[in-house]
PDB file of N, CA and C in Angstrom:
ATOM      1  N   UNK A   1     -10.658  24.063 -10.720  1.00  0.00           N
ATOM      2  CA  UNK A   1     -10.362  22.672 -11.018  1.00  0.00           C
ATOM      3  C   UNK A   1      -9.704  22.531 -12.384  1.00  0.00           C
ATOM      4  N   UNK A   2     -10.111  23.349 -13.342  1.00  0.00           N
ATOM      5  CA  UNK A   2      -9.529  23.268 -14.675  1.00  0.00           C
ATOM      6  C   UNK A   2      -8.035  23.583 -14.666  1.00  0.00           C
ATOM      7  N   UNK A   3      -7.608  24.439 -13.755  1.00  0.00           N
ATOM      8  CA  UNK A   3      -6.194  24.795 -13.693  1.00  0.00           C
ATOM      9  C   UNK A   3      -5.343  23.644 -13.154  1.00  0.00           C
ATOM     10  N   UNK A   4      -5.883  22.825 -12.270  1.00  0.00           N
ATOM     11  CA  UNK A   4      -5.109  21.744 -11.647  1.00  0.00           C
ATOM     12  C   UNK A   4      -5.072  20.484 -12.486  1.00  0.00           C
ATOM     13  N   UNK A   5      -5.958  20.345 -13.442  1.00  0.00           N
ATOM     14  CA  UNK A   5      -6.013  19.123 -14.242  1.00  0.00           C
ATOM     15  C   UNK A   5      -4.782  18.959 -15.135  1.00  0.00           C
ATOM     16  N   UNK A   6      -4.042  20.030 -15.357  1.00  0.00           N
ATOM     17  CA  UNK A   6      -2.857  19.964 -16.214  1.00  0.00           C
ATOM     18  C   UNK A   6      -1.562  19.756 -15.426  1.00  0.00           C
ATOM     19  N   UNK A   7      -1.640  19.577 -14.106  1.00  0.00           N
ATOM     20  CA  UNK A   7      -0.441  19.492 -13.270  1.00  0.00           C
ATOM     21  C   UNK A   7      -0.167  18.046 -12.860  1.00  0.00           C
ATOM     22  N   UNK A   8       1.078  17.626 -13.016  1.00  0.00           N
ATOM     23  CA  UNK A   8       1.538  16.322 -12.549  1.00  0.00           C
ATOM     24  C   UNK A   8       2.599  16.563 -11.470  1.00  0.00           C
ATOM     25  N   UNK A   9       2.292  16.189 -10.225  1.00  0.00           N
ATOM     26  CA  UNK A   9       3.232  16.308  -9.116  1.00  0.00           C
ATOM     27  C   UNK A   9       4.007  14.997  -9.015  1.00  0.00           C
ATOM     28  N   UNK A  10       5.324  15.066  -8.896  1.00  0.00           N
ATOM     29  CA  UNK A  10       6.127  13.851  -8.830  1.00  0.00           C
ATOM     30  C   UNK A  10       7.139  13.940  -7.690  1.00  0.00           C
ATOM     31  N   UNK A  11       7.542  12.793  -7.222  1.00  0.00           N
ATOM     32  CA  UNK A  11       8.616  12.726  -6.234  1.00  0.00           C
ATOM     33  C   UNK A  11       9.132  11.305  -6.165  1.00  0.00           C
ATOM     34  N   UNK A  12      10.351  11.187  -5.665  1.00  0.00           N
ATOM     35  CA  UNK A  12      10.934   9.873  -5.463  1.00  0.00           C
ATOM     36  C   UNK A  12      11.464   9.808  -4.037  1.00  0.00           C
ATOM     37  N   UNK A  13      11.560   8.590  -3.526  1.00  0.00           N
ATOM     38  CA  UNK A  13      12.071   8.367  -2.174  1.00  0.00           C
ATOM     39  C   UNK A  13      12.925   7.119  -2.151  1.00  0.00           C
ATOM     40  N   UNK A  14      13.932   7.158  -1.315  1.00  0.00           N
ATOM     41  CA  UNK A  14      14.782   5.986  -1.104  1.00  0.00           C
ATOM     42  C   UNK A  14      14.325   5.316   0.182  1.00  0.00           C
ATOM     43  N   UNK A  15      14.154   4.025   0.100  1.00  0.00           N
ATOM     44  CA  UNK A  15      13.807   3.216   1.258  1.00  0.00           C
ATOM     45  C   UNK A  15      14.983   2.300   1.542  1.00  0.00           C
ATOM     46  N   UNK A  16      15.541   2.437   2.716  1.00  0.00           N
ATOM     47  CA  UNK A  16      16.718   1.674   3.082  1.00  0.00           C
ATOM     48  C   UNK A  16      16.333   0.598   4.087  1.00  0.00           C
ATOM     49  N   UNK A  17      16.879  -0.586   3.896  1.00  0.00           N
ATOM     50  CA  UNK A  17      16.590  -1.688   4.799  1.00  0.00           C
ATOM     51  C   UNK A  17      17.693  -1.903   5.828  1.00  0.00           C
ATOM     52  N   UNK A  18      18.608  -0.959   5.884  1.00  0.00           N
ATOM     53  CA  UNK A  18      19.639  -1.053   6.912  1.00  0.00           C
ATOM     54  C   UNK A  18      19.872   0.324   7.509  1.00  0.00           C
ATOM     55  N   UNK A  19      20.697   0.367   8.498  1.00  0.00           N
ATOM     56  CA  UNK A  19      20.997   1.640   9.134  1.00  0.00           C
ATOM     57  C   UNK A  19      22.138   2.283   8.367  1.00  0.00           C
ATOM     58  N   UNK A  20      21.794   3.128   7.401  1.00  0.00           N
ATOM     59  CA  UNK A  20      22.822   3.840   6.673  1.00  0.00           C
ATOM     60  C   UNK A  20      22.771   5.324   6.997  1.00  0.00           C
ATOM     61  N   UNK A  21      21.895   5.697   7.915  1.00  0.00           N
ATOM     62  CA  UNK A  21      21.750   7.101   8.253  1.00  0.00           C
ATOM     63  C   UNK A  21      22.710   7.520   9.359  1.00  0.00           C
ATOM     64  N   UNK A  22      23.497   6.587   9.857  1.00  0.00           N
ATOM     65  CA  UNK A  22      24.441   6.831  10.942  1.00  0.00           C
ATOM     66  C   UNK A  22      23.729   7.324  12.199  1.00  0.00           C
ATOM     67  N   UNK A  23      22.492   6.932  12.361  1.00  0.00           N
ATOM     68  CA  UNK A  23      21.744   7.274  13.559  1.00  0.00           C
ATOM     69  C   UNK A  23      21.802   6.117  14.527  1.00  0.00           C
ATOM     70  N   UNK A  24      21.736   6.440  15.792  1.00  0.00           N
ATOM     71  CA  UNK A  24      21.665   5.408  16.815  1.00  0.00           C
ATOM     72  C   UNK A  24      20.289   5.494  17.452  1.00  0.00           C
ATOM     73  N   UNK A  25      19.737   4.347  17.716  1.00  0.00           N
ATOM     74  CA  UNK A  25      18.431   4.297  18.336  1.00  0.00           C
ATOM     75  C   UNK A  25      18.585   4.127  19.835  1.00  0.00           C
ATOM     76  N   UNK A  26      17.787   4.857  20.575  1.00  0.00           N
ATOM     77  CA  UNK A  26      17.802   4.785  22.031  1.00  0.00           C
ATOM     78  C   UNK A  26      16.531   4.067  22.466  1.00  0.00           C
ATOM     79  N   UNK A  27      16.702   2.925  23.085  1.00  0.00           N
ATOM     80  CA  UNK A  27      15.580   2.177  23.640  1.00  0.00           C
ATOM     81  C   UNK A  27      15.745   2.204  25.153  1.00  0.00           C
ATOM     82  N   UNK A  28      14.863   2.897  25.830  1.00  0.00           N
ATOM     83  CA  UNK A  28      15.031   3.022  27.274  1.00  0.00           C
ATOM     84  C   UNK A  28      13.688   3.063  27.973  1.00  0.00           C
ATOM     85  N   UNK A  29      13.736   2.722  29.223  1.00  0.00           N
ATOM     86  CA  UNK A  29      12.564   2.865  30.064  1.00  0.00           C
ATOM     87  C   UNK A  29      12.544   4.281  30.610  1.00  0.00           C
ATOM     88  N   UNK A  30      11.388   4.754  30.939  1.00  0.00           N
ATOM     89  CA  UNK A  30      11.253   6.092  31.487  1.00  0.00           C
ATOM     90  C   UNK A  30      12.146   6.254  32.712  1.00  0.00           C
ATOM     91  N   UNK A  31      12.919   7.348  32.727  1.00  0.00           N
ATOM     92  CA  UNK A  31      13.778   7.649  33.864  1.00  0.00           C
ATOM     93  C   UNK A  31      15.185   7.107  33.775  1.00  0.00           C
ATOM     94  N   UNK A  32      15.536   6.356  32.723  1.00  0.00           N
ATOM     95  CA  UNK A  32      16.886   5.797  32.630  1.00  0.00           C
ATOM     96  C   UNK A  32      17.850   6.709  31.864  1.00  0.00           C
ATOM     97  N   UNK A  33      17.350   7.731  31.187  1.00  0.00           N
ATOM     98  CA  UNK A  33      18.144   8.777  30.538  1.00  0.00           C
ATOM     99  C   UNK A  33      19.459   8.354  29.905  1.00  0.00           C
ATOM    100  N   UNK A  34      19.424   7.792  28.756  1.00  0.00           N
ATOM    101  CA  UNK A  34      20.589   7.555  27.907  1.00  0.00           C
ATOM    102  C   UNK A  34      21.700   6.732  28.557  1.00  0.00           C
ATOM    103  N   UNK A  35      21.354   5.752  29.312  1.00  0.00           N
ATOM    104  CA  UNK A  35      22.363   4.842  29.853  1.00  0.00           C
ATOM    105  C   UNK A  35      23.036   4.122  28.694  1.00  0.00           C
ATOM    106  N   UNK A  36      24.338   3.890  28.754  1.00  0.00           N
ATOM    107  CA  UNK A  36      25.014   3.184  27.657  1.00  0.00           C
ATOM    108  C   UNK A  36      24.385   1.826  27.350  1.00  0.00           C
ATOM    109  N   UNK A  37      23.813   1.191  28.328  1.00  0.00           N
ATOM    110  CA  UNK A  37      23.181  -0.109  28.090  1.00  0.00           C
ATOM    111  C   UNK A  37      21.899   0.027  27.260  1.00  0.00           C
ATOM    112  N   UNK A  38      21.372   1.244  27.127  1.00  0.00           N
ATOM    113  CA  UNK A  38      20.146   1.463  26.361  1.00  0.00           C
ATOM    114  C   UNK A  38      20.411   1.847  24.913  1.00  0.00           C
ATOM    115  N   UNK A  39      21.661   2.187  24.573  1.00  0.00           N
ATOM    116  CA  UNK A  39      22.003   2.628  23.225  1.00  0.00           C
ATOM    117  C   UNK A  39      22.496   1.432  22.425  1.00  0.00           C
ATOM    118  N   UNK A  40      21.877   1.201  21.250  1.00  0.00           N
ATOM    119  CA  UNK A  40      22.319   0.098  20.406  1.00  0.00           C
ATOM    120  C   UNK A  40      21.987   0.386  18.954  1.00  0.00           C
ATOM    121  N   UNK A  41      22.794  -0.151  18.086  1.00  0.00           N
ATOM    122  CA  UNK A  41      22.527  -0.051  16.669  1.00  0.00           C
ATOM    123  C   UNK A  41      21.798  -1.313  16.234  1.00  0.00           C
ATOM    124  N   UNK A  42      20.823  -1.149  15.353  1.00  0.00           N
ATOM    125  CA  UNK A  42      19.975  -2.262  14.945  1.00  0.00           C
ATOM    126  C   UNK A  42      20.020  -2.395  13.431  1.00  0.00           C
ATOM    127  N   UNK A  43      20.183  -3.592  12.947  1.00  0.00           N
ATOM    128  CA  UNK A  43      20.127  -3.880  11.521  1.00  0.00           C
ATOM    129  C   UNK A  43      19.373  -5.191  11.352  1.00  0.00           C
ATOM    130  N   UNK A  44      18.051  -5.103  11.275  1.00  0.00           N
ATOM    131  CA  UNK A  44      17.206  -6.296  11.194  1.00  0.00           C
ATOM    132  C   UNK A  44      17.269  -6.995   9.844  1.00  0.00           C
ATOM    133  N   UNK A  45      17.523  -6.237   8.781  1.00  0.00           N
ATOM    134  CA  UNK A  45      17.293  -6.765   7.448  1.00  0.00           C
ATOM    135  C   UNK A  45      18.547  -7.120   6.672  1.00  0.00           C
ATOM    136  N   UNK A  46      19.704  -6.808   7.183  1.00  0.00           N
ATOM    137  CA  UNK A  46      20.922  -7.202   6.498  1.00  0.00           C
ATOM    138  C   UNK A  46      21.303  -6.356   5.311  1.00  0.00           C
ATOM    139  N   UNK A  47      20.753  -5.183   5.172  1.00  0.00           N
ATOM    140  CA  UNK A  47      21.175  -4.266   4.122  1.00  0.00           C
ATOM    141  C   UNK A  47      20.236  -4.211   2.946  1.00  0.00           C
ATOM    142  N   UNK A  48      20.588  -3.347   2.017  1.00  0.00           N
ATOM    143  CA  UNK A  48      19.788  -3.188   0.813  1.00  0.00           C
ATOM    144  C   UNK A  48      18.858  -2.000   0.896  1.00  0.00           C
ATOM    145  N   UNK A  49      18.205  -1.743  -0.174  1.00  0.00           N
ATOM    146  CA  UNK A  49      17.267  -0.639  -0.251  1.00  0.00           C
ATOM    147  C   UNK A  49      16.817  -0.454  -1.683  1.00  0.00           C
ATOM    148  N   UNK A  50      15.919   0.490  -1.887  1.00  0.00           N
ATOM    149  CA  UNK A  50      15.452   0.764  -3.234  1.00  0.00           C
ATOM    150  C   UNK A  50      14.956   2.183  -3.347  1.00  0.00           C
ATOM    151  N   UNK A  51      14.915   2.668  -4.582  1.00  0.00           N
ATOM    152  CA  UNK A  51      14.416   3.998  -4.888  1.00  0.00           C
ATOM    153  C   UNK A  51      13.134   3.829  -5.683  1.00  0.00           C
ATOM    154  N   UNK A  52      12.097   4.562  -5.274  1.00  0.00           N
ATOM    155  CA  UNK A  52      10.814   4.500  -5.972  1.00  0.00           C
ATOM    156  C   UNK A  52      10.390   5.901  -6.388  1.00  0.00           C
ATOM    157  N   UNK A  53       9.593   5.978  -7.442  1.00  0.00           N
ATOM    158  CA  UNK A  53       9.089   7.241  -7.981  1.00  0.00           C
ATOM    159  C   UNK A  53       7.613   7.073  -8.278  1.00  0.00           C
ATOM    160  N   UNK A  54       6.850   8.140  -8.110  1.00  0.00           N
ATOM    161  CA  UNK A  54       5.463   8.146  -8.555  1.00  0.00           C
ATOM    162  C   UNK A  54       5.021   9.572  -8.839  1.00  0.00           C
ATOM    163  N   UNK A  55       3.920   9.701  -9.523  1.00  0.00           N
ATOM    164  CA  UNK A  55       3.332  11.000  -9.819  1.00  0.00           C
ATOM    165  C   UNK A  55       1.855  10.969  -9.473  1.00  0.00           C
ATOM    166  N   UNK A  56       1.344  12.119  -9.022  1.00  0.00           N
ATOM    167  CA  UNK A  56      -0.092  12.232  -8.747  1.00  0.00           C
ATOM    168  C   UNK A  56      -0.651  13.413  -9.520  1.00  0.00           C
ATOM    169  N   UNK A  57      -1.897  13.283  -9.891  1.00  0.00           N
ATOM    170  CA  UNK A  57      -2.588  14.340 -10.610  1.00  0.00           C
ATOM    171  C   UNK A  57      -3.994  14.446 -10.052  1.00  0.00           C
ATOM    172  N   UNK A  58      -4.755  15.391 -10.515  1.00  0.00           N
ATOM    173  CA  UNK A  58      -6.082  15.657  -9.969  1.00  0.00           C
ATOM    174  C   UNK A  58      -6.976  14.420  -9.977  1.00  0.00           C
ATOM    175  N   UNK A  59      -6.942  13.650 -11.032  1.00  0.00           N
ATOM    176  CA  UNK A  59      -7.872  12.526 -11.146  1.00  0.00           C
ATOM    177  C   UNK A  59      -7.188  11.161 -11.129  1.00  0.00           C
ATOM    178  N   UNK A  60      -5.984  11.079 -10.572  1.00  0.00           N
ATOM    179  CA  UNK A  60      -5.341   9.771 -10.529  1.00  0.00           C
ATOM    180  C   UNK A  60      -3.885   9.843 -10.135  1.00  0.00           C
ATOM    181  N   UNK A  61      -3.184   8.789 -10.466  1.00  0.00           N
ATOM    182  CA  UNK A  61      -1.759   8.701 -10.155  1.00  0.00           C
ATOM    183  C   UNK A  61      -1.089   7.803 -11.184  1.00  0.00           C
ATOM    184  N   UNK A  62       0.229   7.900 -11.245  1.00  0.00           N
ATOM    185  CA  UNK A  62       0.990   7.019 -12.109  1.00  0.00           C
ATOM    186  C   UNK A  62       1.248   5.715 -11.361  1.00  0.00           C
ATOM    187  N   UNK A  63       1.652   4.690 -12.064  1.00  0.00           N
ATOM    188  CA  UNK A  63       2.101   3.492 -11.354  1.00  0.00           C
ATOM    189  C   UNK A  63       3.363   3.811 -10.559  1.00  0.00           C
ATOM    190  N   UNK A  64       3.599   3.068  -9.509  1.00  0.00           N
ATOM    191  CA  UNK A  64       4.826   3.201  -8.732  1.00  0.00           C
ATOM    192  C   UNK A  64       5.973   2.626  -9.551  1.00  0.00           C
ATOM    193  N   UNK A  65       7.017   3.410  -9.753  1.00  0.00           N
ATOM    194  CA  UNK A  65       8.177   2.948 -10.518  1.00  0.00           C
ATOM    195  C   UNK A  65       9.310   2.656  -9.553  1.00  0.00           C
ATOM    196  N   UNK A  66       9.850   1.459  -9.609  1.00  0.00           N
ATOM    197  CA  UNK A  66      10.989   1.066  -8.777  1.00  0.00           C
ATOM    198  C   UNK A  66      12.231   1.081  -9.648  1.00  0.00           C
ATOM    199  N   UNK A  67      13.209   1.880  -9.251  1.00  0.00           N
ATOM    200  CA  UNK A  67      14.472   1.916  -9.979  1.00  0.00           C
ATOM    201  C   UNK A  67      15.273   0.675  -9.608  1.00  0.00           C
ATOM    202  N   UNK A  68      15.651  -0.076 -10.601  1.00  0.00           N
ATOM    203  CA  UNK A  68      16.492  -1.242 -10.367  1.00  0.00           C
ATOM    204  C   UNK A  68      17.901  -0.762 -10.072  1.00  0.00           C
ATOM    205  N   UNK A  69      18.543  -1.324  -9.165  1.00  0.00           N
ATOM    206  CA  UNK A  69      19.943  -1.088  -8.781  1.00  0.00           C
ATOM    207  C   UNK A  69      20.589   0.173  -9.332  1.00  0.00           C
ATOM    208  N   UNK A  70      21.494   0.704  -8.572  1.00  0.00           N
ATOM    209  CA  UNK A  70      22.301   1.823  -9.030  1.00  0.00           C
ATOM    210  C   UNK A  70      21.708   3.178  -8.713  1.00  0.00           C
ATOM    211  N   UNK A  71      22.407   4.184  -9.160  1.00  0.00           N
ATOM    212  CA  UNK A  71      22.056   5.570  -8.909  1.00  0.00           C
ATOM    213  C   UNK A  71      21.140   6.091 -10.005  1.00  0.00           C
ATOM    214  N   UNK A  72      20.232   6.989  -9.637  1.00  0.00           N
ATOM    215  CA  UNK A  72      19.372   7.631 -10.625  1.00  0.00           C
ATOM    216  C   UNK A  72      20.150   8.794 -11.231  1.00  0.00           C
ATOM    217  N   UNK A  73      20.424   8.700 -12.494  1.00  0.00           N
ATOM    218  CA  UNK A  73      21.146   9.743 -13.228  1.00  0.00           C
ATOM    219  C   UNK A  73      20.166  10.479 -14.134  1.00  0.00           C
ATOM    220  N   UNK A  74      20.635  11.530 -14.749  1.00  0.00           N
ATOM    221  CA  UNK A  74      19.799  12.247 -15.706  1.00  0.00           C
ATOM    222  C   UNK A  74      19.338  11.356 -16.843  1.00  0.00           C
ATOM    223  N   UNK A  75      20.228  10.484 -17.301  1.00  0.00           N
ATOM    224  CA  UNK A  75      19.883   9.561 -18.383  1.00  0.00           C
ATOM    225  C   UNK A  75      18.814   8.564 -17.938  1.00  0.00           C
ATOM    226  N   UNK A  76      18.972   8.005 -16.750  1.00  0.00           N
ATOM    227  CA  UNK A  76      17.971   7.058 -16.245  1.00  0.00           C
ATOM    228  C   UNK A  76      16.636   7.756 -16.011  1.00  0.00           C
ATOM    229  N   UNK A  77      16.673   8.978 -15.498  1.00  0.00           N
ATOM    230  CA  UNK A  77      15.446   9.739 -15.262  1.00  0.00           C
ATOM    231  C   UNK A  77      14.716   9.980 -16.582  1.00  0.00           C
ATOM    232  N   UNK A  78      15.467  10.337 -17.602  1.00  0.00           N
ATOM    233  CA  UNK A  78      14.870  10.551 -18.918  1.00  0.00           C
ATOM    234  C   UNK A  78      14.273   9.255 -19.468  1.00  0.00           C
ATOM    235  N   UNK A  79      15.052   8.168 -19.411  1.00  0.00           N
ATOM    236  CA  UNK A  79      14.640   6.912 -20.021  1.00  0.00           C
ATOM    237  C   UNK A  79      13.551   6.176 -19.244  1.00  0.00           C
ATOM    238  N   UNK A  80      13.601   6.254 -17.918  1.00  0.00           N
ATOM    239  CA  UNK A  80      12.672   5.468 -17.105  1.00  0.00           C
ATOM    240  C   UNK A  80      11.463   6.244 -16.592  1.00  0.00           C
ATOM    241  N   UNK A  81      11.538   7.576 -16.579  1.00  0.00           N
ATOM    242  CA  UNK A  81      10.433   8.382 -16.047  1.00  0.00           C
ATOM    243  C   UNK A  81       9.845   9.302 -17.107  1.00  0.00           C
ATOM    244  N   UNK A  82      10.669  10.168 -17.662  1.00  0.00           N
ATOM    245  CA  UNK A  82      10.143  11.154 -18.610  1.00  0.00           C
ATOM    246  C   UNK A  82       9.533  10.507 -19.842  1.00  0.00           C
ATOM    247  N   UNK A  83      10.214   9.527 -20.405  1.00  0.00           N
ATOM    248  CA  UNK A  83       9.691   8.862 -21.593  1.00  0.00           C
ATOM    249  C   UNK A  83       8.407   8.099 -21.337  1.00  0.00           C
ATOM    250  N   UNK A  84       8.429   7.123 -20.433  1.00  0.00           N
ATOM    251  CA  UNK A  84       7.243   6.292 -20.257  1.00  0.00           C
ATOM    252  C   UNK A  84       6.075   6.947 -19.520  1.00  0.00           C
ATOM    253  N   UNK A  85       6.325   7.824 -18.556  1.00  0.00           N
ATOM    254  CA  UNK A  85       5.243   8.353 -17.725  1.00  0.00           C
ATOM    255  C   UNK A  85       4.862   9.788 -18.088  1.00  0.00           C
ATOM    256  N   UNK A  86       5.834  10.678 -18.102  1.00  0.00           N
ATOM    257  CA  UNK A  86       5.537  12.090 -18.326  1.00  0.00           C
ATOM    258  C   UNK A  86       5.078  12.335 -19.758  1.00  0.00           C
ATOM    259  N   UNK A  87       5.673  11.642 -20.708  1.00  0.00           N
ATOM    260  CA  UNK A  87       5.250  11.791 -22.100  1.00  0.00           C
ATOM    261  C   UNK A  87       3.787  11.373 -22.282  1.00  0.00           C
ATOM    262  N   UNK A  88       3.374  10.303 -21.611  1.00  0.00           N
ATOM    263  CA  UNK A  88       1.965   9.877 -21.685  1.00  0.00           C
ATOM    264  C   UNK A  88       1.038  10.920 -21.086  1.00  0.00           C
ATOM    265  N   UNK A  89       1.435  11.487 -19.940  1.00  0.00           N
ATOM    266  CA  UNK A  89       0.619  12.528 -19.307  1.00  0.00           C
ATOM    267  C   UNK A  89       0.489  13.735 -20.232  1.00  0.00           C
ATOM    268  N   UNK A  90       1.601  14.136 -20.820  1.00  0.00           N
ATOM    269  CA  UNK A  90       1.565  15.271 -21.754  1.00  0.00           C
ATOM    270  C   UNK A  90       0.653  14.966 -22.941  1.00  0.00           C
ATOM    271  N   UNK A  91       0.716  13.740 -23.439  1.00  0.00           N
ATOM    272  CA  UNK A  91      -0.137  13.367 -24.560  1.00  0.00           C
ATOM    273  C   UNK A  91      -1.612  13.412 -24.203  1.00  0.00           C
ATOM    274  N   UNK A  92      -1.934  13.048 -22.978  1.00  0.00           N
ATOM    275  CA  UNK A  92      -3.340  13.043 -22.545  1.00  0.00           C
ATOM    276  C   UNK A  92      -3.845  14.448 -22.242  1.00  0.00           C
ATOM    277  N   UNK A  93      -2.984  15.300 -21.692  1.00  0.00           N
ATOM    278  CA  UNK A  93      -3.396  16.625 -21.231  1.00  0.00           C
ATOM    279  C   UNK A  93      -3.188  17.695 -22.295  1.00  0.00           C
ATOM    280  N   UNK A  94      -2.123  17.573 -23.049  1.00  0.00           N
ATOM    281  CA  UNK A  94      -1.792  18.589 -24.044  1.00  0.00           C
ATOM    282  C   UNK A  94      -0.485  19.281 -23.701  1.00  0.00           C
ATOM    283  N   UNK A  95      -0.043  20.124 -24.596  1.00  0.00           N
ATOM    284  CA  UNK A  95       1.274  20.753 -24.449  1.00  0.00           C
ATOM    285  C   UNK A  95       1.334  21.785 -23.331  1.00  0.00           C
ATOM    286  N   UNK A  96       0.215  22.163 -22.767  1.00  0.00           N
ATOM    287  CA  UNK A  96       0.198  23.145 -21.672  1.00  0.00           C
ATOM    288  C   UNK A  96       0.359  22.495 -20.302  1.00  0.00           C
ATOM    289  N   UNK A  97       0.748  21.221 -20.273  1.00  0.00           N
ATOM    290  CA  UNK A  97       0.871  20.521 -18.999  1.00  0.00           C
ATOM    291  C   UNK A  97       1.984  21.125 -18.147  1.00  0.00           C
ATOM    292  N   UNK A  98       1.925  20.901 -16.834  1.00  0.00           N
ATOM    293  CA  UNK A  98       2.950  21.378 -15.904  1.00  0.00           C
ATOM    294  C   UNK A  98       3.477  20.179 -15.136  1.00  0.00           C
ATOM    295  N   UNK A  99       4.786  19.997 -15.175  1.00  0.00           N
ATOM    296  CA  UNK A  99       5.441  18.929 -14.424  1.00  0.00           C
ATOM    297  C   UNK A  99       6.060  19.551 -13.179  1.00  0.00           C
ATOM    298  N   UNK A 100       5.622  19.114 -12.012  1.00  0.00           N
ATOM    299  CA  UNK A 100       6.152  19.610 -10.739  1.00  0.00           C
ATOM    300  C   UNK A 100       7.072  18.545 -10.161  1.00  0.00           C
ATOM    301  N   UNK A 101       8.351  18.884 -10.032  1.00  0.00           N
ATOM    302  CA  UNK A 101       9.299  17.990  -9.385  1.00  0.00           C
ATOM    303  C   UNK A 101      10.216  18.837  -8.510  1.00  0.00           C
ATOM    304  N   UNK A 102      11.075  18.192  -7.742  1.00  0.00           N
ATOM    305  CA  UNK A 102      12.023  18.956  -6.946  1.00  0.00           C
ATOM    306  C   UNK A 102      13.255  19.249  -7.806  1.00  0.00           C
ATOM    307  N   UNK A 103      14.219  19.878  -7.234  1.00  0.00           N
ATOM    308  CA  UNK A 103      15.408  20.252  -8.003  1.00  0.00           C
ATOM    309  C   UNK A 103      16.535  19.243  -7.861  1.00  0.00           C
ATOM    310  N   UNK A 104      16.200  17.966  -7.818  1.00  0.00           N
ATOM    311  CA  UNK A 104      17.232  16.934  -7.738  1.00  0.00           C
ATOM    312  C   UNK A 104      18.103  16.998  -8.990  1.00  0.00           C
ATOM    313  N   UNK A 105      19.351  16.631  -8.859  1.00  0.00           N
ATOM    314  CA  UNK A 105      20.294  16.717  -9.988  1.00  0.00           C
ATOM    315  C   UNK A 105      19.818  15.988 -11.238  1.00  0.00           C
ATOM    316  N   UNK A 106      19.288  14.767 -11.117  1.00  0.00           N
ATOM    317  CA  UNK A 106      18.825  14.108 -12.351  1.00  0.00           C
ATOM    318  C   UNK A 106      17.716  14.885 -13.062  1.00  0.00           C
ATOM    319  N   UNK A 107      16.887  15.606 -12.329  1.00  0.00           N
ATOM    320  CA  UNK A 107      15.798  16.376 -12.937  1.00  0.00           C
ATOM    321  C   UNK A 107      16.324  17.582 -13.706  1.00  0.00           C
ATOM    322  N   UNK A 108      17.453  18.098 -13.284  1.00  0.00           N
ATOM    323  CA  UNK A 108      18.012  19.303 -13.904  1.00  0.00           C
ATOM    324  C   UNK A 108      19.168  18.997 -14.848  1.00  0.00           C
ATOM    325  N   UNK A 109      19.429  17.740 -15.085  1.00  0.00           N
ATOM    326  CA  UNK A 109      20.473  17.387 -16.048  1.00  0.00           C
ATOM    327  C   UNK A 109      20.101  17.932 -17.426  1.00  0.00           C
ATOM    328  N   UNK A 110      21.079  18.341 -18.177  1.00  0.00           N
ATOM    329  CA  UNK A 110      20.822  18.953 -19.486  1.00  0.00           C
ATOM    330  C   UNK A 110      20.018  18.028 -20.394  1.00  0.00           C
ATOM    331  N   UNK A 111      20.368  16.738 -20.427  1.00  0.00           N
ATOM    332  CA  UNK A 111      19.630  15.848 -21.327  1.00  0.00           C
ATOM    333  C   UNK A 111      18.193  15.638 -20.870  1.00  0.00           C
ATOM    334  N   UNK A 112      17.921  15.679 -19.573  1.00  0.00           N
ATOM    335  CA  UNK A 112      16.536  15.588 -19.081  1.00  0.00           C
ATOM    336  C   UNK A 112      15.775  16.861 -19.394  1.00  0.00           C
ATOM    337  N   UNK A 113      16.404  18.003 -19.200  1.00  0.00           N
ATOM    338  CA  UNK A 113      15.762  19.283 -19.496  1.00  0.00           C
ATOM    339  C   UNK A 113      15.461  19.414 -20.990  1.00  0.00           C
ATOM    340  N   UNK A 114      16.401  18.995 -21.827  1.00  0.00           N
ATOM    341  CA  UNK A 114      16.185  19.060 -23.273  1.00  0.00           C
ATOM    342  C   UNK A 114      15.067  18.127 -23.714  1.00  0.00           C
ATOM    343  N   UNK A 115      14.929  16.992 -23.053  1.00  0.00           N
ATOM    344  CA  UNK A 115      13.883  16.044 -23.409  1.00  0.00           C
ATOM    345  C   UNK A 115      12.513  16.668 -23.208  1.00  0.00           C
TER     346      UNK A 115
END
């Protein structure tokens, strides 16, 4: 347990409110096998979406961070995640902390790595 208390696992996800995945949904009754009348594209919400980030640790989690409009860049990752959230975790745990993230471009940007 002592080894895991220093680890902060993080990830972000994009939630889209429209069909931007270029997927088509098939709604059919059993036995109708992909009839053209069963294939339709659906857009209930009229577009939009958002990117959210959070971190979890052995005894808790960070608040959910919602990125306001635009793309997450290395600069935004540094300013909106590393500064406010990861720096606090490091301060609470100590310099031996471990930050676990994926290899997304903003995470590996030089200015984020230097931070």
